[in-house]
Every structure is written in structure tokens, then in C-alpha cells.
PDB file of N, CA and C in Angstrom:
ATOM      1  N   MET A   1     104.857 -28.621 163.420  1.00  0.00           N
ATOM      2  CA  MET A   1     105.790 -27.510 163.396  1.00  0.00           C
ATOM      3  C   MET A   1     105.830 -26.905 161.990  1.00  0.00           C
ATOM      4  N   ASN A   2     105.726 -25.611 161.898  1.00  0.00           N
ATOM      5  CA  ASN A   2     105.755 -24.931 160.612  1.00  0.00           C
ATOM      6  C   ASN A   2     107.178 -24.875 160.068  1.00  0.00           C
ATOM      7  N   THR A   3     107.289 -24.997 158.750  1.00  0.00           N
ATOM      8  CA  THR A   3     108.593 -24.847 158.116  1.00  0.00           C
ATOM      9  C   THR A   3     108.962 -23.364 158.073  1.00  0.00           C
ATOM     10  N   ILE A   4     110.227 -23.090 157.835  1.00  0.00           N
ATOM     11  CA  ILE A   4     110.648 -21.697 157.679  1.00  0.00           C
ATOM     12  C   ILE A   4     109.905 -21.080 156.503  1.00  0.00           C
ATOM     13  N   HIS A   5     109.717 -21.851 155.456  1.00  0.00           N
ATOM     14  CA  HIS A   5     108.963 -21.384 154.287  1.00  0.00           C
ATOM     15  C   HIS A   5     107.584 -20.885 154.707  1.00  0.00           C
ATOM     16  N   GLU A   6     106.894 -21.655 155.537  1.00  0.00           N
ATOM     17  CA  GLU A   6     105.561 -21.262 156.014  1.00  0.00           C
ATOM     18  C   GLU A   6     105.637 -20.056 156.944  1.00  0.00           C
ATOM     19  N   GLN A   7     106.631 -20.033 157.830  1.00  0.00           N
ATOM     20  CA  GLN A   7     106.778 -18.912 158.761  1.00  0.00           C
ATOM     21  C   GLN A   7     107.033 -17.601 158.023  1.00  0.00           C
ATOM     22  N   LEU A   8     107.735 -17.689 156.896  1.00  0.00           N
ATOM     23  CA  LEU A   8     108.002 -16.496 156.093  1.00  0.00           C
ATOM     24  C   LEU A   8     106.765 -16.013 155.336  1.00  0.00           C
ATOM     25  N   GLY A   9     105.788 -16.885 155.192  1.00  0.00           N
ATOM     26  CA  GLY A   9     104.597 -16.514 154.435  1.00  0.00           C
ATOM     27  C   GLY A   9     104.561 -17.119 153.046  1.00  0.00           C
ATOM     28  N   GLY A  10     105.475 -18.048 152.784  1.00  0.00           N
ATOM     29  CA  GLY A  10     105.459 -18.768 151.526  1.00  0.00           C
ATOM     30  C   GLY A  10     106.064 -18.001 150.362  1.00  0.00           C
ATOM     31  N   GLU A  11     105.646 -18.411 149.175  1.00  0.00           N
ATOM     32  CA  GLU A  11     106.233 -17.902 147.943  1.00  0.00           C
ATOM     33  C   GLU A  11     106.140 -16.391 147.764  1.00  0.00           C
ATOM     34  N   PRO A  12     105.036 -15.739 148.134  1.00  0.00           N
ATOM     35  CA  PRO A  12     104.993 -14.281 147.921  1.00  0.00           C
ATOM     36  C   PRO A  12     106.146 -13.543 148.603  1.00  0.00           C
ATOM     37  N   LEU A  13     106.448 -13.885 149.842  1.00  0.00           N
ATOM     38  CA  LEU A  13     107.541 -13.195 150.524  1.00  0.00           C
ATOM     39  C   LEU A  13     108.887 -13.615 149.952  1.00  0.00           C
ATOM     40  N   ILE A  14     109.038 -14.877 149.595  1.00  0.00           N
ATOM     41  CA  ILE A  14     110.298 -15.329 149.011  1.00  0.00           C
ATOM     42  C   ILE A  14     110.553 -14.595 147.701  1.00  0.00           C
ATOM     43  N   ARG A  15     109.529 -14.425 146.880  1.00  0.00           N
ATOM     44  CA  ARG A  15     109.679 -13.656 145.629  1.00  0.00           C
ATOM     45  C   ARG A  15     110.108 -12.224 145.920  1.00  0.00           C
ATOM     46  N   GLU A  16     109.496 -11.609 146.911  1.00  0.00           N
ATOM     47  CA  GLU A  16     109.846 -10.237 147.288  1.00  0.00           C
ATOM     48  C   GLU A  16     111.309 -10.157 147.715  1.00  0.00           C
ATOM     49  N   VAL A  17     111.736 -11.085 148.546  1.00  0.00           N
ATOM     50  CA  VAL A  17     113.117 -11.095 149.030  1.00  0.00           C
ATOM     51  C   VAL A  17     114.090 -11.308 147.870  1.00  0.00           C
ATOM     52  N   VAL A  18     113.785 -12.242 146.990  1.00  0.00           N
ATOM     53  CA  VAL A  18     114.661 -12.504 145.842  1.00  0.00           C
ATOM     54  C   VAL A  18     114.764 -11.260 144.961  1.00  0.00           C
ATOM     55  N   PHE A  19     113.649 -10.586 144.711  1.00  0.00           N
ATOM     56  CA  PHE A  19     113.663  -9.363 143.908  1.00  0.00           C
ATOM     57  C   PHE A  19     114.549  -8.305 144.565  1.00  0.00           C
ATOM     58  N   ARG A  20     114.352  -8.084 145.850  1.00  0.00           N
ATOM     59  CA  ARG A  20     115.154  -7.090 146.580  1.00  0.00           C
ATOM     60  C   ARG A  20     116.638  -7.467 146.569  1.00  0.00           C
ATOM     61  N   PHE A  21     116.908  -8.748 146.774  1.00  0.00           N
ATOM     62  CA  PHE A  21     118.290  -9.215 146.783  1.00  0.00           C
ATOM     63  C   PHE A  21     118.979  -8.898 145.459  1.00  0.00           C
ATOM     64  N   TYR A  22     118.339  -9.236 144.338  1.00  0.00           N
ATOM     65  CA  TYR A  22     118.981  -9.003 143.042  1.00  0.00           C
ATOM     66  C   TYR A  22     119.121  -7.520 142.726  1.00  0.00           C
ATOM     67  N   GLU A  23     118.206  -6.694 143.200  1.00  0.00           N
ATOM     68  CA  GLU A  23     118.390  -5.247 143.035  1.00  0.00           C
ATOM     69  C   GLU A  23     119.706  -4.817 143.679  1.00  0.00           C
ATOM     70  N   LYS A  24     119.980  -5.310 144.866  1.00  0.00           N
ATOM     71  CA  LYS A  24     121.192  -4.955 145.606  1.00  0.00           C
ATOM     72  C   LYS A  24     122.441  -5.552 144.949  1.00  0.00           C
ATOM     73  N   ALA A  25     122.377  -6.828 144.608  1.00  0.00           N
ATOM     74  CA  ALA A  25     123.539  -7.505 144.034  1.00  0.00           C
ATOM     75  C   ALA A  25     123.926  -6.902 142.684  1.00  0.00           C
ATOM     76  N   LEU A  26     122.939  -6.589 141.861  1.00  0.00           N
ATOM     77  CA  LEU A  26     123.226  -6.020 140.543  1.00  0.00           C
ATOM     78  C   LEU A  26     123.778  -4.606 140.633  1.00  0.00           C
ATOM     79  N   ALA A  27     123.466  -3.902 141.698  1.00  0.00           N
ATOM     80  CA  ALA A  27     123.958  -2.533 141.884  1.00  0.00           C
ATOM     81  C   ALA A  27     125.389  -2.503 142.417  1.00  0.00           C
ATOM     82  N   ASP A  28     125.905  -3.631 142.845  1.00  0.00           N
ATOM     83  CA  ASP A  28     127.249  -3.708 143.417  1.00  0.00           C
ATOM     84  C   ASP A  28     128.235  -4.135 142.324  1.00  0.00           C
ATOM     85  N   SER A  29     129.167  -3.272 142.003  1.00  0.00           N
ATOM     86  CA  SER A  29     130.129  -3.563 140.935  1.00  0.00           C
ATOM     87  C   SER A  29     130.977  -4.801 141.235  1.00  0.00           C
ATOM     88  N   ARG A  30     131.108  -5.160 142.502  1.00  0.00           N
ATOM     89  CA  ARG A  30     131.879  -6.356 142.857  1.00  0.00           C
ATOM     90  C   ARG A  30     131.131  -7.638 142.513  1.00  0.00           C
ATOM     91  N   LEU A  31     129.816  -7.551 142.344  1.00  0.00           N
ATOM     92  CA  LEU A  31     129.006  -8.733 142.034  1.00  0.00           C
ATOM     93  C   LEU A  31     128.398  -8.699 140.638  1.00  0.00           C
ATOM     94  N   ALA A  32     128.194  -7.523 140.094  1.00  0.00           N
ATOM     95  CA  ALA A  32     127.461  -7.376 138.831  1.00  0.00           C
ATOM     96  C   ALA A  32     128.046  -8.219 137.704  1.00  0.00           C
ATOM     97  N   GLY A  33     129.360  -8.374 137.668  1.00  0.00           N
ATOM     98  CA  GLY A  33     129.997  -9.148 136.611  1.00  0.00           C
ATOM     99  C   GLY A  33     129.576 -10.608 136.565  1.00  0.00           C
ATOM    100  N   TYR A  34     129.130 -11.133 137.670  1.00  0.00           N
ATOM    101  CA  TYR A  34     128.685 -12.525 137.702  1.00  0.00           C
ATOM    102  C   TYR A  34     127.369 -12.730 136.953  1.00  0.00           C
ATOM    103  N   PHE A  35     126.697 -11.647 136.627  1.00  0.00           N
ATOM    104  CA  PHE A  35     125.378 -11.755 136.012  1.00  0.00           C
ATOM    105  C   PHE A  35     125.382 -11.416 134.526  1.00  0.00           C
ATOM    106  N   HIS A  36     126.575 -11.178 133.943  1.00  0.00           N
ATOM    107  CA  HIS A  36     126.661 -10.959 132.501  1.00  0.00           C
ATOM    108  C   HIS A  36     126.263 -12.243 131.794  1.00  0.00           C
ATOM    109  N   ARG A  37     125.573 -12.101 130.707  1.00  0.00           N
ATOM    110  CA  ARG A  37     125.144 -13.247 129.880  1.00  0.00           C
ATOM    111  C   ARG A  37     124.264 -14.224 130.652  1.00  0.00           C
ATOM    112  N   VAL A  38     123.559 -13.741 131.646  1.00  0.00           N
ATOM    113  CA  VAL A  38     122.639 -14.575 132.424  1.00  0.00           C
ATOM    114  C   VAL A  38     121.232 -14.029 132.232  1.00  0.00           C
ATOM    115  N   ASN A  39     120.298 -14.905 131.965  1.00  0.00           N
ATOM    116  CA  ASN A  39     118.897 -14.505 131.861  1.00  0.00           C
ATOM    117  C   ASN A  39     118.393 -14.270 133.284  1.00  0.00           C
ATOM    118  N   LEU A  40     118.244 -13.002 133.648  1.00  0.00           N
ATOM    119  CA  LEU A  40     117.889 -12.664 135.034  1.00  0.00           C
ATOM    120  C   LEU A  40     116.504 -13.156 135.422  1.00  0.00           C
ATOM    121  N   SER A  41     115.580 -13.191 134.487  1.00  0.00           N
ATOM    122  CA  SER A  41     114.241 -13.716 134.810  1.00  0.00           C
ATOM    123  C   SER A  41     114.323 -15.186 135.202  1.00  0.00           C
ATOM    124  N   LEU A  42     115.074 -15.959 134.424  1.00  0.00           N
ATOM    125  CA  LEU A  42     115.250 -17.379 134.759  1.00  0.00           C
ATOM    126  C   LEU A  42     116.010 -17.552 136.067  1.00  0.00           C
ATOM    127  N   LEU A  43     117.016 -16.712 136.271  1.00  0.00           N
ATOM    128  CA  LEU A  43     117.796 -16.798 137.504  1.00  0.00           C
ATOM    129  C   LEU A  43     116.929 -16.517 138.724  1.00  0.00           C
ATOM    130  N   ARG A  44     116.097 -15.493 138.647  1.00  0.00           N
ATOM    131  CA  ARG A  44     115.202 -15.176 139.774  1.00  0.00           C
ATOM    132  C   ARG A  44     114.239 -16.328 140.048  1.00  0.00           C
ATOM    133  N   GLU A  45     113.663 -16.891 138.987  1.00  0.00           N
ATOM    134  CA  GLU A  45     112.741 -18.022 139.167  1.00  0.00           C
ATOM    135  C   GLU A  45     113.459 -19.211 139.791  1.00  0.00           C
ATOM    136  N   HIS A  46     114.664 -19.478 139.323  1.00  0.00           N
ATOM    137  CA  HIS A  46     115.449 -20.576 139.888  1.00  0.00           C
ATOM    138  C   HIS A  46     115.721 -20.326 141.371  1.00  0.00           C
ATOM    139  N   GLN A  47     116.060 -19.076 141.706  1.00  0.00           N
ATOM    140  CA  GLN A  47     116.355 -18.724 143.099  1.00  0.00           C
ATOM    141  C   GLN A  47     115.124 -18.909 143.978  1.00  0.00           C
ATOM    142  N   VAL A  48     113.961 -18.514 143.484  1.00  0.00           N
ATOM    143  CA  VAL A  48     112.719 -18.703 144.244  1.00  0.00           C
ATOM    144  C   VAL A  48     112.494 -20.191 144.493  1.00  0.00           C
ATOM    145  N   ARG A  49     112.661 -21.020 143.458  1.00  0.00           N
ATOM    146  CA  ARG A  49     112.466 -22.471 143.622  1.00  0.00           C
ATOM    147  C   ARG A  49     113.496 -23.060 144.584  1.00  0.00           C
ATOM    148  N   LEU A  50     114.740 -22.605 144.460  1.00  0.00           N
ATOM    149  CA  LEU A  50     115.803 -23.104 145.328  1.00  0.00           C
ATOM    150  C   LEU A  50     115.531 -22.757 146.786  1.00  0.00           C
ATOM    151  N   PHE A  51     115.199 -21.498 147.050  1.00  0.00           N
ATOM    152  CA  PHE A  51     114.900 -21.077 148.418  1.00  0.00           C
ATOM    153  C   PHE A  51     113.663 -21.793 148.947  1.00  0.00           C
ATOM    154  N   THR A  52     112.652 -21.938 148.109  1.00  0.00           N
ATOM    155  CA  THR A  52     111.430 -22.631 148.522  1.00  0.00           C
ATOM    156  C   THR A  52     111.756 -24.048 148.984  1.00  0.00           C
ATOM    157  N   ALA A  53     112.522 -24.773 148.183  1.00  0.00           N
ATOM    158  CA  ALA A  53     112.879 -26.148 148.534  1.00  0.00           C
ATOM    159  C   ALA A  53     113.766 -26.186 149.779  1.00  0.00           C
ATOM    160  N   ALA A  54     114.759 -25.300 149.853  1.00  0.00           N
ATOM    161  CA  ALA A  54     115.699 -25.305 150.977  1.00  0.00           C
ATOM    162  C   ALA A  54     115.038 -24.920 152.295  1.00  0.00           C
ATOM    163  N   LEU A  55     113.943 -24.167 152.212  1.00  0.00           N
ATOM    164  CA  LEU A  55     113.274 -23.688 153.428  1.00  0.00           C
ATOM    165  C   LEU A  55     112.048 -24.518 153.794  1.00  0.00           C
ATOM    166  N   GLY A  56     111.889 -25.662 153.133  1.00  0.00           N
ATOM    167  CA  GLY A  56     110.833 -26.586 153.517  1.00  0.00           C
ATOM    168  C   GLY A  56     109.554 -26.487 152.726  1.00  0.00           C
ATOM    169  N   GLY A  57     109.560 -25.707 151.657  1.00  0.00           N
ATOM    170  CA  GLY A  57     108.385 -25.617 150.797  1.00  0.00           C
ATOM    171  C   GLY A  57     108.346 -26.794 149.844  1.00  0.00           C
ATOM    172  N   SER A  58     107.292 -26.886 149.082  1.00  0.00           N
ATOM    173  CA  SER A  58     107.165 -28.003 148.150  1.00  0.00           C
ATOM    174  C   SER A  58     107.768 -27.638 146.805  1.00  0.00           C
ATOM    175  N   GLY A  59     108.091 -28.656 146.042  1.00  0.00           N
ATOM    176  CA  GLY A  59     108.619 -28.461 144.700  1.00  0.00           C
ATOM    177  C   GLY A  59     110.070 -28.874 144.604  1.00  0.00           C
ATOM    178  N   ALA A  60     110.418 -29.326 143.438  1.00  0.00           N
ATOM    179  CA  ALA A  60     111.790 -29.744 143.171  1.00  0.00           C
ATOM    180  C   ALA A  60     112.546 -28.594 142.522  1.00  0.00           C
ATOM    181  N   VAL A  61     113.837 -28.635 142.678  1.00  0.00           N
ATOM    182  CA  VAL A  61     114.693 -27.624 142.063  1.00  0.00           C
ATOM    183  C   VAL A  61     115.373 -28.263 140.866  1.00  0.00           C
ATOM    184  N   ALA A  62     115.134 -27.698 139.698  1.00  0.00           N
ATOM    185  CA  ALA A  62     115.748 -28.201 138.479  1.00  0.00           C
ATOM    186  C   ALA A  62     116.975 -27.364 138.145  1.00  0.00           C
ATOM    187  N   GLU A  63     117.936 -27.999 137.533  1.00  0.00           N
ATOM    188  CA  GLU A  63     119.113 -27.259 137.081  1.00  0.00           C
ATOM    189  C   GLU A  63     118.678 -26.328 135.965  1.00  0.00           C
ATOM    190  N   SER A  64     119.132 -25.091 136.026  1.00  0.00           N
ATOM    191  CA  SER A  64     118.701 -24.126 135.022  1.00  0.00           C
ATOM    192  C   SER A  64     119.839 -23.595 134.179  1.00  0.00           C
ATOM    193  N   GLY A  65     121.060 -23.990 134.484  1.00  0.00           N
ATOM    194  CA  GLY A  65     122.181 -23.492 133.713  1.00  0.00           C
ATOM    195  C   GLY A  65     122.424 -22.007 133.905  1.00  0.00           C
ATOM    196  N   THR A  66     122.061 -21.472 135.046  1.00  0.00           N
ATOM    197  CA  THR A  66     122.183 -20.040 135.268  1.00  0.00           C
ATOM    198  C   THR A  66     123.405 -19.668 136.089  1.00  0.00           C
ATOM    199  N   VAL A  67     124.182 -20.623 136.496  1.00  0.00           N
ATOM    200  CA  VAL A  67     125.323 -20.344 137.359  1.00  0.00           C
ATOM    201  C   VAL A  67     126.489 -19.822 136.531  1.00  0.00           C
ATOM    202  N   SER A  68     127.166 -18.821 137.030  1.00  0.00           N
ATOM    203  CA  SER A  68     128.334 -18.257 136.363  1.00  0.00           C
ATOM    204  C   SER A  68     129.438 -19.291 136.292  1.00  0.00           C
ATOM    205  N   GLU A  69     130.111 -19.346 135.148  1.00  0.00           N
ATOM    206  CA  GLU A  69     131.228 -20.272 135.000  1.00  0.00           C
ATOM    207  C   GLU A  69     132.490 -19.730 135.655  1.00  0.00           C
ATOM    208  N   GLU A  70     132.493 -18.467 136.032  1.00  0.00           N
ATOM    209  CA  GLU A  70     133.672 -17.836 136.612  1.00  0.00           C
ATOM    210  C   GLU A  70     133.941 -18.307 138.034  1.00  0.00           C
ATOM    211  N   GLY A  71     132.957 -18.742 138.739  1.00  0.00           N
ATOM    212  CA  GLY A  71     133.121 -19.108 140.136  1.00  0.00           C
ATOM    213  C   GLY A  71     133.014 -17.887 141.021  1.00  0.00           C
ATOM    214  N   ILE A  72     132.659 -18.112 142.254  1.00  0.00           N
ATOM    215  CA  ILE A  72     132.511 -17.016 143.213  1.00  0.00           C
ATOM    216  C   ILE A  72     133.465 -17.266 144.371  1.00  0.00           C
ATOM    217  N   HIS A  73     134.061 -16.209 144.846  1.00  0.00           N
ATOM    218  CA  HIS A  73     135.001 -16.277 145.962  1.00  0.00           C
ATOM    219  C   HIS A  73     134.254 -16.128 147.289  1.00  0.00           C
ATOM    220  N   HIS A  74     134.927 -16.479 148.362  1.00  0.00           N
ATOM    221  CA  HIS A  74     134.342 -16.327 149.697  1.00  0.00           C
ATOM    222  C   HIS A  74     133.956 -14.878 149.980  1.00  0.00           C
ATOM    223  N   GLU A  75     134.784 -13.939 149.530  1.00  0.00           N
ATOM    224  CA  GLU A  75     134.495 -12.524 149.788  1.00  0.00           C
ATOM    225  C   GLU A  75     133.187 -12.096 149.131  1.00  0.00           C
ATOM    226  N   GLU A  76     132.993 -12.536 147.882  1.00  0.00           N
ATOM    227  CA  GLU A  76     131.749 -12.204 147.193  1.00  0.00           C
ATOM    228  C   GLU A  76     130.559 -12.910 147.842  1.00  0.00           C
ATOM    229  N   TYR A  77     130.782 -14.134 148.296  1.00  0.00           N
ATOM    230  CA  TYR A  77     129.698 -14.853 148.967  1.00  0.00           C
ATOM    231  C   TYR A  77     129.264 -14.113 150.229  1.00  0.00           C
ATOM    232  N   ASP A  78     130.225 -13.556 150.952  1.00  0.00           N
ATOM    233  CA  ASP A  78     129.885 -12.765 152.141  1.00  0.00           C
ATOM    234  C   ASP A  78     129.022 -11.561 151.766  1.00  0.00           C
ATOM    235  N   LEU A  79     129.329 -10.925 150.630  1.00  0.00           N
ATOM    236  CA  LEU A  79     128.494  -9.815 150.149  1.00  0.00           C
ATOM    237  C   LEU A  79     127.079 -10.299 149.847  1.00  0.00           C
ATOM    238  N   VAL A  80     126.993 -11.455 149.186  1.00  0.00           N
ATOM    239  CA  VAL A  80     125.693 -12.040 148.835  1.00  0.00           C
ATOM    240  C   VAL A  80     124.858 -12.259 150.091  1.00  0.00           C
ATOM    241  N   ILE A  81     125.455 -12.849 151.109  1.00  0.00           N
ATOM    242  CA  ILE A  81     124.727 -13.118 152.355  1.00  0.00           C
ATOM    243  C   ILE A  81     124.297 -11.816 153.015  1.00  0.00           C
ATOM    244  N   GLY A  82     125.155 -10.817 152.985  1.00  0.00           N
ATOM    245  CA  GLY A  82     124.790  -9.511 153.541  1.00  0.00           C
ATOM    246  C   GLY A  82     123.595  -8.902 152.826  1.00  0.00           C
ATOM    247  N   TYR A  83     123.592  -8.977 151.499  1.00  0.00           N
ATOM    248  CA  TYR A  83     122.461  -8.435 150.735  1.00  0.00           C
ATOM    249  C   TYR A  83     121.194  -9.250 150.961  1.00  0.00           C
ATOM    250  N   LEU A  84     121.346 -10.554 151.119  1.00  0.00           N
ATOM    251  CA  LEU A  84     120.180 -11.385 151.413  1.00  0.00           C
ATOM    252  C   LEU A  84     119.602 -11.023 152.777  1.00  0.00           C
ATOM    253  N   ALA A  85     120.458 -10.838 153.762  1.00  0.00           N
ATOM    254  CA  ALA A  85     119.990 -10.429 155.096  1.00  0.00           C
ATOM    255  C   ALA A  85     119.298  -9.071 155.023  1.00  0.00           C
ATOM    256  N   ASP A  86     119.877  -8.130 154.271  1.00  0.00           N
ATOM    257  CA  ASP A  86     119.247  -6.814 154.104  1.00  0.00           C
ATOM    258  C   ASP A  86     117.869  -6.941 153.455  1.00  0.00           C
ATOM    259  N   ALA A  87     117.770  -7.793 152.429  1.00  0.00           N
ATOM    260  CA  ALA A  87     116.492  -7.985 151.736  1.00  0.00           C
ATOM    261  C   ALA A  87     115.446  -8.588 152.675  1.00  0.00           C
ATOM    262  N   LEU A  88     115.863  -9.517 153.518  1.00  0.00           N
ATOM    263  CA  LEU A  88     114.944 -10.107 154.497  1.00  0.00           C
ATOM    264  C   LEU A  88     114.478  -9.048 155.499  1.00  0.00           C
ATOM    265  N   ARG A  89     115.399  -8.219 155.974  1.00  0.00           N
ATOM    266  CA  ARG A  89     115.029  -7.142 156.916  1.00  0.00           C
ATOM    267  C   ARG A  89     114.057  -6.160 156.267  1.00  0.00           C
ATOM    268  N   GLU A  90     114.349  -5.761 155.026  1.00  0.00           N
ATOM    269  CA  GLU A  90     113.482  -4.813 154.324  1.00  0.00           C
ATOM    270  C   GLU A  90     112.097  -5.394 154.060  1.00  0.00           C
ATOM    271  N   SER A  91     111.999  -6.717 154.076  1.00  0.00           N
ATOM    272  CA  SER A  91     110.714  -7.395 153.903  1.00  0.00           C
ATOM    273  C   SER A  91     110.057  -7.682 155.246  1.00  0.00           C
ATOM    274  N   SER A  92     110.557  -7.036 156.300  1.00  0.00           N
ATOM    275  CA  SER A  92     109.996  -7.104 157.658  1.00  0.00           C
ATOM    276  C   SER A  92     110.060  -8.488 158.290  1.00  0.00           C
ATOM    277  N   VAL A  93     111.086  -9.260 157.952  1.00  0.00           N
ATOM    278  CA  VAL A  93     111.280 -10.564 158.580  1.00  0.00           C
ATOM    279  C   VAL A  93     111.938 -10.323 159.938  1.00  0.00           C
ATOM    280  N   PRO A  94     111.337 -10.832 161.027  1.00  0.00           N
ATOM    281  CA  PRO A  94     111.923 -10.653 162.363  1.00  0.00           C
ATOM    282  C   PRO A  94     113.312 -11.297 162.448  1.00  0.00           C
ATOM    283  N   GLU A  95     114.185 -10.693 163.241  1.00  0.00           N
ATOM    284  CA  GLU A  95     115.576 -11.162 163.343  1.00  0.00           C
ATOM    285  C   GLU A  95     115.712 -12.655 163.655  1.00  0.00           C
ATOM    286  N   PRO A  96     114.945 -13.224 164.609  1.00  0.00           N
ATOM    287  CA  PRO A  96     115.108 -14.663 164.865  1.00  0.00           C
ATOM    288  C   PRO A  96     114.780 -15.517 163.632  1.00  0.00           C
ATOM    289  N   LEU A  97     113.759 -15.128 162.883  1.00  0.00           N
ATOM    290  CA  LEU A  97     113.396 -15.867 161.670  1.00  0.00           C
ATOM    291  C   LEU A  97     114.425 -15.617 160.569  1.00  0.00           C
ATOM    292  N   LEU A  98     114.935 -14.408 160.493  1.00  0.00           N
ATOM    293  CA  LEU A  98     115.988 -14.073 159.532  1.00  0.00           C
ATOM    294  C   LEU A  98     117.210 -14.953 159.784  1.00  0.00           C
ATOM    295  N   THR A  99     117.625 -15.049 161.046  1.00  0.00           N
ATOM    296  CA  THR A  99     118.777 -15.876 161.408  1.00  0.00           C
ATOM    297  C   THR A  99     118.525 -17.337 161.051  1.00  0.00           C
ATOM    298  N   GLY A 100     117.338 -17.835 161.356  1.00  0.00           N
ATOM    299  CA  GLY A 100     116.986 -19.213 161.014  1.00  0.00           C
ATOM    300  C   GLY A 100     116.994 -19.454 159.518  1.00  0.00           C
ATOM    301  N   THR A 101     116.549 -18.462 158.761  1.00  0.00           N
ATOM    302  CA  THR A 101     116.532 -18.567 157.301  1.00  0.00           C
ATOM    303  C   THR A 101     117.952 -18.665 156.760  1.00  0.00           C
ATOM    304  N   LEU A 102     118.822 -17.777 157.213  1.00  0.00           N
ATOM    305  CA  LEU A 102     120.210 -17.809 156.747  1.00  0.00           C
ATOM    306  C   LEU A 102     120.895 -19.114 157.148  1.00  0.00           C
ATOM    307  N   PHE A 103     120.596 -19.606 158.345  1.00  0.00           N
ATOM    308  CA  PHE A 103     121.158 -20.874 158.802  1.00  0.00           C
ATOM    309  C   PHE A 103     120.688 -22.020 157.904  1.00  0.00           C
ATOM    310  N   ALA A 104     119.402 -22.012 157.544  1.00  0.00           N
ATOM    311  CA  ALA A 104     118.850 -23.067 156.691  1.00  0.00           C
ATOM    312  C   ALA A 104     119.441 -23.025 155.280  1.00  0.00           C
ATOM    313  N   LEU A 105     119.811 -21.838 154.819  1.00  0.00           N
ATOM    314  CA  LEU A 105     120.377 -21.693 153.478  1.00  0.00           C
ATOM    315  C   LEU A 105     121.889 -21.920 153.442  1.00  0.00           C
ATOM    316  N   ALA A 106     122.540 -21.933 154.602  1.00  0.00           N
ATOM    317  CA  ALA A 106     124.001 -22.058 154.672  1.00  0.00           C
ATOM    318  C   ALA A 106     124.560 -23.266 153.917  1.00  0.00           C
ATOM    319  N   PRO A 107     123.916 -24.436 153.942  1.00  0.00           N
ATOM    320  CA  PRO A 107     124.474 -25.573 153.201  1.00  0.00           C
ATOM    321  C   PRO A 107     124.582 -25.342 151.692  1.00  0.00           C
ATOM    322  N   LEU A 108     123.855 -24.367 151.175  1.00  0.00           N
ATOM    323  CA  LEU A 108     123.930 -24.077 149.743  1.00  0.00           C
ATOM    324  C   LEU A 108     125.264 -23.443 149.361  1.00  0.00           C
ATOM    325  N   ALA A 109     126.004 -22.947 150.330  1.00  0.00           N
ATOM    326  CA  ALA A 109     127.280 -22.274 150.049  1.00  0.00           C
ATOM    327  C   ALA A 109     128.225 -23.170 149.265  1.00  0.00           C
ATOM    328  N   ARG A 110     128.244 -24.434 149.575  1.00  0.00           N
ATOM    329  CA  ARG A 110     129.181 -25.332 148.884  1.00  0.00           C
ATOM    330  C   ARG A 110     128.884 -25.440 147.392  1.00  0.00           C
ATOM    331  N   ASP A 111     127.638 -25.143 146.995  1.00  0.00           N
ATOM    332  CA  ASP A 111     127.277 -25.164 145.582  1.00  0.00           C
ATOM    333  C   ASP A 111     127.522 -23.822 144.907  1.00  0.00           C
ATOM    334  N   VAL A 112     127.751 -22.788 145.696  1.00  0.00           N
ATOM    335  CA  VAL A 112     127.909 -21.436 145.168  1.00  0.00           C
ATOM    336  C   VAL A 112     129.375 -21.026 145.132  1.00  0.00           C
ATOM    337  N   ILE A 113     130.107 -21.335 146.194  1.00  0.00           N
ATOM    338  CA  ILE A 113     131.521 -20.951 146.267  1.00  0.00           C
ATOM    339  C   ILE A 113     132.325 -21.992 145.502  1.00  0.00           C
ATOM    340  N   THR A 114     132.878 -21.567 144.368  1.00  0.00           N
ATOM    341  CA  THR A 114     133.639 -22.501 143.542  1.00  0.00           C
ATOM    342  C   THR A 114     135.120 -22.164 143.499  1.00  0.00           C
ATOM    343  N   VAL A 115     135.492 -21.050 144.107  1.00  0.00           N
ATOM    344  CA  VAL A 115     136.894 -20.647 144.148  1.00  0.00           C
ATOM    345  C   VAL A 115     137.347 -20.708 145.598  1.00  0.00           C
ATOM    346  N   PRO A 116     138.333 -21.555 145.907  1.00  0.00           N
ATOM    347  CA  PRO A 116     138.765 -21.701 147.302  1.00  0.00           C
ATOM    348  C   PRO A 116     139.285 -20.396 147.892  1.00  0.00           C
ATOM    349  N   ALA A 117     139.141 -20.276 149.179  1.00  0.00           N
ATOM    350  CA  ALA A 117     139.668 -19.109 149.889  1.00  0.00           C
ATOM    351  C   ALA A 117     141.190 -19.153 149.859  1.00  0.00           C
ATOM    352  N   VAL A 118     141.787 -17.987 149.781  1.00  0.00           N
ATOM    353  CA  VAL A 118     143.243 -17.884 149.812  1.00  0.00           C
ATOM    354  C   VAL A 118     143.672 -17.764 151.268  1.00  0.00           C
ATOM    355  N   THR A 119     144.593 -18.620 151.673  1.00  0.00           N
ATOM    356  CA  THR A 119     145.091 -18.561 153.048  1.00  0.00           C
ATOM    357  C   THR A 119     146.554 -18.160 153.016  1.00  0.00           C
ATOM    358  N   ALA A 120     146.939 -17.375 153.989  1.00  0.00           N
ATOM    359  CA  ALA A 120     148.329 -16.893 154.040  1.00  0.00           C
ATOM    360  C   ALA A 120     149.202 -17.846 154.802  1.00  0.00           C
TER     361      ALA A 120
END
């Protein structure tokens, strides 16, 4: 059985998706602040390695110190997932594979969302 990484076409497509994703995220004023004082080249490389590992590709993910100390809220995380889905669509990933990709990446949310949701 092929991994999602293989079904996507491996690193070339993952790099394309990561590039498209960051174009969208950086253009959104609600997310752009999370990227101040962050080396975007290192962040993109880290994201490619992280996605590669999470989707069944080879290689280890090393800590890169690129995570914002501010923390991200659930609302911003929802924006991130939306932009990631858009980037996958723009890279011609079929919907069933797109859904599988997002499902495979879902466990990473606990490492990204550092600010609890506010409940009424």
C-alpha cells in the first residue's frame, strides 16, 4: 500500500504545497504576526520535513526553533487548515487524497495550538 506521501508524488509536491500555503498565510493579517522574527526559509524546510514524516515519507523531523512563542488559537488554526486545503487543491490534489492528507496531519494540531479555546 502506498503512503500518502507517495500518492501525493513525494517531496516535489509537498514543497509546492508548503510554498503555496505560506504565500496565503503570510498574506492574511490574522496570521502574519506569527511569522515575525522567524526565518521563513528554515520554517518552510521544517514544514516540508514535518509533512514528509507525518505522511509516511522517510526522514526524521528535527526541532528547528521556528515555532512562535505567542501560541496559536483554535480560530487561527482553522485558517491554517483552510489555507492548507486551498494549497492542496491548487496543486491539483484530488479531494479524496486531500481529505486523507488533512486527516493524517490532524494529530499535529496538539503541537500547534498552544492557546486553549475559550468556552462560554
